[in-house]
């Protein structure tokens, strides 16, 4: 997944592109919990990870 090129998503309302912090490649770093100091400075963002688990009973 790291080798594939992703097109930046654009917010439909404001036209702004979704951005990752400098130095982050894909989801690297998003799974790390914020430190208490980062939370206190307001440098933390809640991240929700959704996974789609497809189950096809015909393959069993």
PDB file of N, CA and C in Angstrom:
ATOM      1  N   UNK A   1       0.813  -1.188   0.000  1.00  0.00           N
ATOM      2  CA  UNK A   1       0.000   0.000   0.000  1.00  0.00           C
ATOM      3  C   UNK A   1       0.860   1.258   0.000  1.00  0.00           C
ATOM      4  N   UNK A   2       2.044   1.181   0.597  1.00  0.00           N
ATOM      5  CA  UNK A   2       2.903   2.359   0.669  1.00  0.00           C
ATOM      6  C   UNK A   2       3.389   2.787  -0.707  1.00  0.00           C
ATOM      7  N   UNK A   3       3.451   1.838  -1.649  1.00  0.00           N
ATOM      8  CA  UNK A   3       3.973   2.177  -2.969  1.00  0.00           C
ATOM      9  C   UNK A   3       2.922   2.786  -3.887  1.00  0.00           C
ATOM     10  N   UNK A   4       1.656   2.629  -3.555  1.00  0.00           N
ATOM     11  CA  UNK A   4       0.635   3.187  -4.439  1.00  0.00           C
ATOM     12  C   UNK A   4       0.486   4.690  -4.216  1.00  0.00           C
ATOM     13  N   UNK A   5       0.208   5.398  -5.282  1.00  0.00           N
ATOM     14  CA  UNK A   5       0.054   6.844  -5.210  1.00  0.00           C
ATOM     15  C   UNK A   5      -1.401   7.164  -4.933  1.00  0.00           C
ATOM     16  N   UNK A   6      -1.633   7.962  -3.923  1.00  0.00           N
ATOM     17  CA  UNK A   6      -3.003   8.321  -3.557  1.00  0.00           C
ATOM     18  C   UNK A   6      -3.301   9.736  -3.999  1.00  0.00           C
ATOM     19  N   UNK A   7      -4.480   9.924  -4.532  1.00  0.00           N
ATOM     20  CA  UNK A   7      -4.943  11.253  -4.905  1.00  0.00           C
ATOM     21  C   UNK A   7      -5.498  11.914  -3.646  1.00  0.00           C
ATOM     22  N   UNK A   8      -5.089  13.140  -3.342  1.00  0.00           N
ATOM     23  CA  UNK A   8      -5.596  13.800  -2.135  1.00  0.00           C
ATOM     24  C   UNK A   8      -7.106  13.975  -2.196  1.00  0.00           C
ATOM     25  N   UNK A   9      -7.763  13.728  -1.065  1.00  0.00           N
ATOM     26  CA  UNK A   9      -9.204  13.937  -1.000  1.00  0.00           C
ATOM     27  C   UNK A   9      -9.482  15.419  -0.839  1.00  0.00           C
ATOM     28  N   UNK A  10     -10.566  15.874  -1.429  1.00  0.00           N
ATOM     29  CA  UNK A  10     -10.929  17.283  -1.350  1.00  0.00           C
ATOM     30  C   UNK A  10     -12.235  17.405  -0.587  1.00  0.00           C
ATOM     31  N   UNK A  11     -12.257  18.290   0.409  1.00  0.00           N
ATOM     32  CA  UNK A  11     -13.463  18.558   1.176  1.00  0.00           C
ATOM     33  C   UNK A  11     -14.468  19.233   0.253  1.00  0.00           C
ATOM     34  N   UNK A  12     -15.636  18.640   0.118  1.00  0.00           N
ATOM     35  CA  UNK A  12     -16.645  19.168  -0.823  1.00  0.00           C
ATOM     36  C   UNK A  12     -17.134  20.559  -0.441  1.00  0.00           C
ATOM     37  N   UNK A  13     -17.228  20.838   0.850  1.00  0.00           N
ATOM     38  CA  UNK A  13     -17.766  22.125   1.295  1.00  0.00           C
ATOM     39  C   UNK A  13     -16.765  23.256   1.130  1.00  0.00           C
ATOM     40  N   UNK A  14     -15.533  23.041   1.573  1.00  0.00           N
ATOM     41  CA  UNK A  14     -14.558  24.132   1.563  1.00  0.00           C
ATOM     42  C   UNK A  14     -13.581  24.056   0.400  1.00  0.00           C
ATOM     43  N   UNK A  15     -13.479  22.894  -0.245  1.00  0.00           N
ATOM     44  CA  UNK A  15     -12.532  22.732  -1.338  1.00  0.00           C
ATOM     45  C   UNK A  15     -11.115  22.471  -0.860  1.00  0.00           C
ATOM     46  N   UNK A  16     -10.918  22.331   0.457  1.00  0.00           N
ATOM     47  CA  UNK A  16      -9.583  22.077   1.005  1.00  0.00           C
ATOM     48  C   UNK A  16      -9.214  20.611   0.828  1.00  0.00           C
ATOM     49  N   UNK A  17      -7.928  20.360   0.572  1.00  0.00           N
ATOM     50  CA  UNK A  17      -7.441  18.993   0.479  1.00  0.00           C
ATOM     51  C   UNK A  17      -7.180  18.456   1.881  1.00  0.00           C
ATOM     52  N   UNK A  18      -7.434  17.149   2.071  1.00  0.00           N
ATOM     53  CA  UNK A  18      -7.099  16.494   3.316  1.00  0.00           C
ATOM     54  C   UNK A  18      -5.587  16.377   3.386  1.00  0.00           C
ATOM     55  N   UNK A  19      -4.998  16.661   4.542  1.00  0.00           N
ATOM     56  CA  UNK A  19      -3.541  16.662   4.658  1.00  0.00           C
ATOM     57  C   UNK A  19      -3.092  15.851   5.858  1.00  0.00           C
ATOM     58  N   UNK A  20      -1.955  15.193   5.710  1.00  0.00           N
ATOM     59  CA  UNK A  20      -1.292  14.537   6.825  1.00  0.00           C
ATOM     60  C   UNK A  20      -0.149  15.418   7.274  1.00  0.00           C
ATOM     61  N   UNK A  21       0.230  15.279   8.519  1.00  0.00           N
ATOM     62  CA  UNK A  21       1.346  16.062   9.042  1.00  0.00           C
ATOM     63  C   UNK A  21       2.619  15.731   8.272  1.00  0.00           C
ATOM     64  N   UNK A  22       3.522  16.699   8.132  1.00  0.00           N
ATOM     65  CA  UNK A  22       4.784  16.434   7.441  1.00  0.00           C
ATOM     66  C   UNK A  22       5.520  15.266   8.077  1.00  0.00           C
ATOM     67  N   UNK A  23       6.068  14.398   7.267  1.00  0.00           N
ATOM     68  CA  UNK A  23       6.811  13.247   7.764  1.00  0.00           C
ATOM     69  C   UNK A  23       5.982  11.988   7.875  1.00  0.00           C
ATOM     70  N   UNK A  24       4.666  12.090   7.770  1.00  0.00           N
ATOM     71  CA  UNK A  24       3.835  10.894   7.827  1.00  0.00           C
ATOM     72  C   UNK A  24       3.651  10.337   6.427  1.00  0.00           C
ATOM     73  N   UNK A  25       3.869   9.048   6.288  1.00  0.00           N
ATOM     74  CA  UNK A  25       3.693   8.384   5.002  1.00  0.00           C
ATOM     75  C   UNK A  25       2.539   7.405   5.147  1.00  0.00           C
ATOM     76  N   UNK A  26       1.406   7.701   4.543  1.00  0.00           N
ATOM     77  CA  UNK A  26       0.234   6.844   4.686  1.00  0.00           C
ATOM     78  C   UNK A  26      -0.305   6.923   6.096  1.00  0.00           C
ATOM     79  N   UNK A  27      -0.510   5.775   6.740  1.00  0.00           N
ATOM     80  CA  UNK A  27      -1.068   5.766   8.091  1.00  0.00           C
ATOM     81  C   UNK A  27       0.005   5.611   9.157  1.00  0.00           C
ATOM     82  N   UNK A  28       1.279   5.617   8.748  1.00  0.00           N
ATOM     83  CA  UNK A  28       2.370   5.504   9.714  1.00  0.00           C
ATOM     84  C   UNK A  28       2.263   6.650  10.727  1.00  0.00           C
ATOM     85  N   UNK A  29       2.249   6.327  11.982  1.00  0.00           N
ATOM     86  CA  UNK A  29       2.153   7.357  13.012  1.00  0.00           C
ATOM     87  C   UNK A  29       0.738   7.613  13.484  1.00  0.00           C
ATOM     88  N   UNK A  30      -0.254   7.235  12.710  1.00  0.00           N
ATOM     89  CA  UNK A  30      -1.633   7.481  13.130  1.00  0.00           C
ATOM     90  C   UNK A  30      -2.082   6.508  14.211  1.00  0.00           C
ATOM     91  N   UNK A  31      -1.418   5.375  14.323  1.00  0.00           N
ATOM     92  CA  UNK A  31      -1.787   4.395  15.338  1.00  0.00           C
ATOM     93  C   UNK A  31      -1.133   4.683  16.683  1.00  0.00           C
ATOM     94  N   UNK A  32      -0.249   5.654  16.746  1.00  0.00           N
ATOM     95  CA  UNK A  32       0.435   6.015  17.988  1.00  0.00           C
ATOM     96  C   UNK A  32      -0.477   6.913  18.818  1.00  0.00           C
ATOM     97  N   UNK A  33      -0.571   6.616  20.107  1.00  0.00           N
ATOM     98  CA  UNK A  33      -1.364   7.463  21.003  1.00  0.00           C
ATOM     99  C   UNK A  33      -0.634   8.780  21.252  1.00  0.00           C
ATOM    100  N   UNK A  34      -1.389   9.837  21.412  1.00  0.00           N
ATOM    101  CA  UNK A  34      -0.810  11.144  21.729  1.00  0.00           C
ATOM    102  C   UNK A  34      -0.297  11.129  23.162  1.00  0.00           C
ATOM    103  N   UNK A  35       0.779  11.855  23.396  1.00  0.00           N
ATOM    104  CA  UNK A  35       1.292  11.977  24.762  1.00  0.00           C
ATOM    105  C   UNK A  35       0.411  12.956  25.531  1.00  0.00           C
ATOM    106  N   UNK A  36       0.519  12.949  26.847  1.00  0.00           N
ATOM    107  CA  UNK A  36      -0.259  13.886  27.657  1.00  0.00           C
ATOM    108  C   UNK A  36       0.121  15.323  27.327  1.00  0.00           C
ATOM    109  N   UNK A  37       1.401  15.560  27.018  1.00  0.00           N
ATOM    110  CA  UNK A  37       1.855  16.909  26.667  1.00  0.00           C
ATOM    111  C   UNK A  37       1.226  17.362  25.349  1.00  0.00           C
ATOM    112  N   UNK A  38       1.135  16.463  24.366  1.00  0.00           N
ATOM    113  CA  UNK A  38       0.511  16.810  23.085  1.00  0.00           C
ATOM    114  C   UNK A  38      -0.968  17.133  23.274  1.00  0.00           C
ATOM    115  N   UNK A  39      -1.644  16.359  24.102  1.00  0.00           N
ATOM    116  CA  UNK A  39      -3.062  16.609  24.377  1.00  0.00           C
ATOM    117  C   UNK A  39      -3.227  17.953  25.071  1.00  0.00           C
ATOM    118  N   UNK A  40      -2.368  18.244  26.044  1.00  0.00           N
ATOM    119  CA  UNK A  40      -2.452  19.510  26.780  1.00  0.00           C
ATOM    120  C   UNK A  40      -2.228  20.714  25.865  1.00  0.00           C
ATOM    121  N   UNK A  41      -1.368  20.569  24.854  1.00  0.00           N
ATOM    122  CA  UNK A  41      -1.098  21.663  23.913  1.00  0.00           C
ATOM    123  C   UNK A  41      -2.126  21.720  22.787  1.00  0.00           C
ATOM    124  N   UNK A  42      -3.059  20.775  22.761  1.00  0.00           N
ATOM    125  CA  UNK A  42      -4.064  20.754  21.698  1.00  0.00           C
ATOM    126  C   UNK A  42      -3.525  20.218  20.385  1.00  0.00           C
ATOM    127  N   UNK A  43      -2.463  19.407  20.458  1.00  0.00           N
ATOM    128  CA  UNK A  43      -1.837  18.860  19.262  1.00  0.00           C
ATOM    129  C   UNK A  43      -2.237  17.408  19.032  1.00  0.00           C
ATOM    130  N   UNK A  44      -3.427  17.045  19.458  1.00  0.00           N
ATOM    131  CA  UNK A  44      -3.903  15.679  19.296  1.00  0.00           C
ATOM    132  C   UNK A  44      -5.221  15.687  18.537  1.00  0.00           C
ATOM    133  N   UNK A  45      -5.417  14.676  17.745  1.00  0.00           N
ATOM    134  CA  UNK A  45      -6.644  14.526  16.972  1.00  0.00           C
ATOM    135  C   UNK A  45      -7.179  13.118  17.178  1.00  0.00           C
ATOM    136  N   UNK A  46      -8.467  13.005  17.390  1.00  0.00           N
ATOM    137  CA  UNK A  46      -9.082  11.684  17.520  1.00  0.00           C
ATOM    138  C   UNK A  46      -9.106  11.036  16.135  1.00  0.00           C
ATOM    139  N   UNK A  47      -8.632   9.793  16.074  1.00  0.00           N
ATOM    140  CA  UNK A  47      -8.589   9.058  14.814  1.00  0.00           C
ATOM    141  C   UNK A  47      -9.496   7.848  14.946  1.00  0.00           C
ATOM    142  N   UNK A  48     -10.385   7.673  13.995  1.00  0.00           N
ATOM    143  CA  UNK A  48     -11.273   6.522  13.965  1.00  0.00           C
ATOM    144  C   UNK A  48     -10.887   5.683  12.760  1.00  0.00           C
ATOM    145  N   UNK A  49     -10.585   4.416  12.992  1.00  0.00           N
ATOM    146  CA  UNK A  49     -10.184   3.513  11.916  1.00  0.00           C
ATOM    147  C   UNK A  49     -11.338   2.548  11.654  1.00  0.00           C
ATOM    148  N   UNK A  50     -11.846   2.586  10.447  1.00  0.00           N
ATOM    149  CA  UNK A  50     -12.931   1.692  10.056  1.00  0.00           C
ATOM    150  C   UNK A  50     -12.369   0.594   9.170  1.00  0.00           C
ATOM    151  N   UNK A  51     -12.784  -0.627   9.425  1.00  0.00           N
ATOM    152  CA  UNK A  51     -12.352  -1.746   8.604  1.00  0.00           C
ATOM    153  C   UNK A  51     -13.584  -2.463   8.087  1.00  0.00           C
ATOM    154  N   UNK A  52     -13.542  -2.836   6.827  1.00  0.00           N
ATOM    155  CA  UNK A  52     -14.630  -3.578   6.211  1.00  0.00           C
ATOM    156  C   UNK A  52     -14.207  -5.031   6.144  1.00  0.00           C
ATOM    157  N   UNK A  53     -14.936  -5.892   6.821  1.00  0.00           N
ATOM    158  CA  UNK A  53     -14.632  -7.316   6.839  1.00  0.00           C
ATOM    159  C   UNK A  53     -15.738  -8.026   6.077  1.00  0.00           C
ATOM    160  N   UNK A  54     -15.453  -8.372   4.837  1.00  0.00           N
ATOM    161  CA  UNK A  54     -16.459  -9.008   3.989  1.00  0.00           C
ATOM    162  C   UNK A  54     -16.498 -10.501   4.274  1.00  0.00           C
ATOM    163  N   UNK A  55     -17.670 -11.001   4.484  1.00  0.00           N
ATOM    164  CA  UNK A  55     -17.855 -12.421   4.730  1.00  0.00           C
ATOM    165  C   UNK A  55     -18.724 -12.984   3.622  1.00  0.00           C
ATOM    166  N   UNK A  56     -18.212 -13.968   2.914  1.00  0.00           N
ATOM    167  CA  UNK A  56     -18.960 -14.589   1.823  1.00  0.00           C
ATOM    168  C   UNK A  56     -19.170 -16.060   2.163  1.00  0.00           C
ATOM    169  N   UNK A  57     -20.357 -16.413   2.667  1.00  0.00           N
ATOM    170  CA  UNK A  57     -20.592 -17.792   3.101  1.00  0.00           C
ATOM    171  C   UNK A  57     -20.498 -18.811   1.970  1.00  0.00           C
ATOM    172  N   UNK A  58     -20.591 -18.393   0.719  1.00  0.00           N
ATOM    173  CA  UNK A  58     -20.529 -19.340  -0.390  1.00  0.00           C
ATOM    174  C   UNK A  58     -19.123 -19.896  -0.595  1.00  0.00           C
ATOM    175  N   UNK A  59     -18.109 -19.290   0.022  1.00  0.00           N
ATOM    176  CA  UNK A  59     -16.737 -19.761  -0.140  1.00  0.00           C
ATOM    177  C   UNK A  59     -16.345 -20.789   0.913  1.00  0.00           C
ATOM    178  N   UNK A  60     -17.231 -21.170   1.813  1.00  0.00           N
ATOM    179  CA  UNK A  60     -16.851 -22.093   2.882  1.00  0.00           C
ATOM    180  C   UNK A  60     -16.974 -23.537   2.499  1.00  0.00           C
TER     181      UNK A  60
END
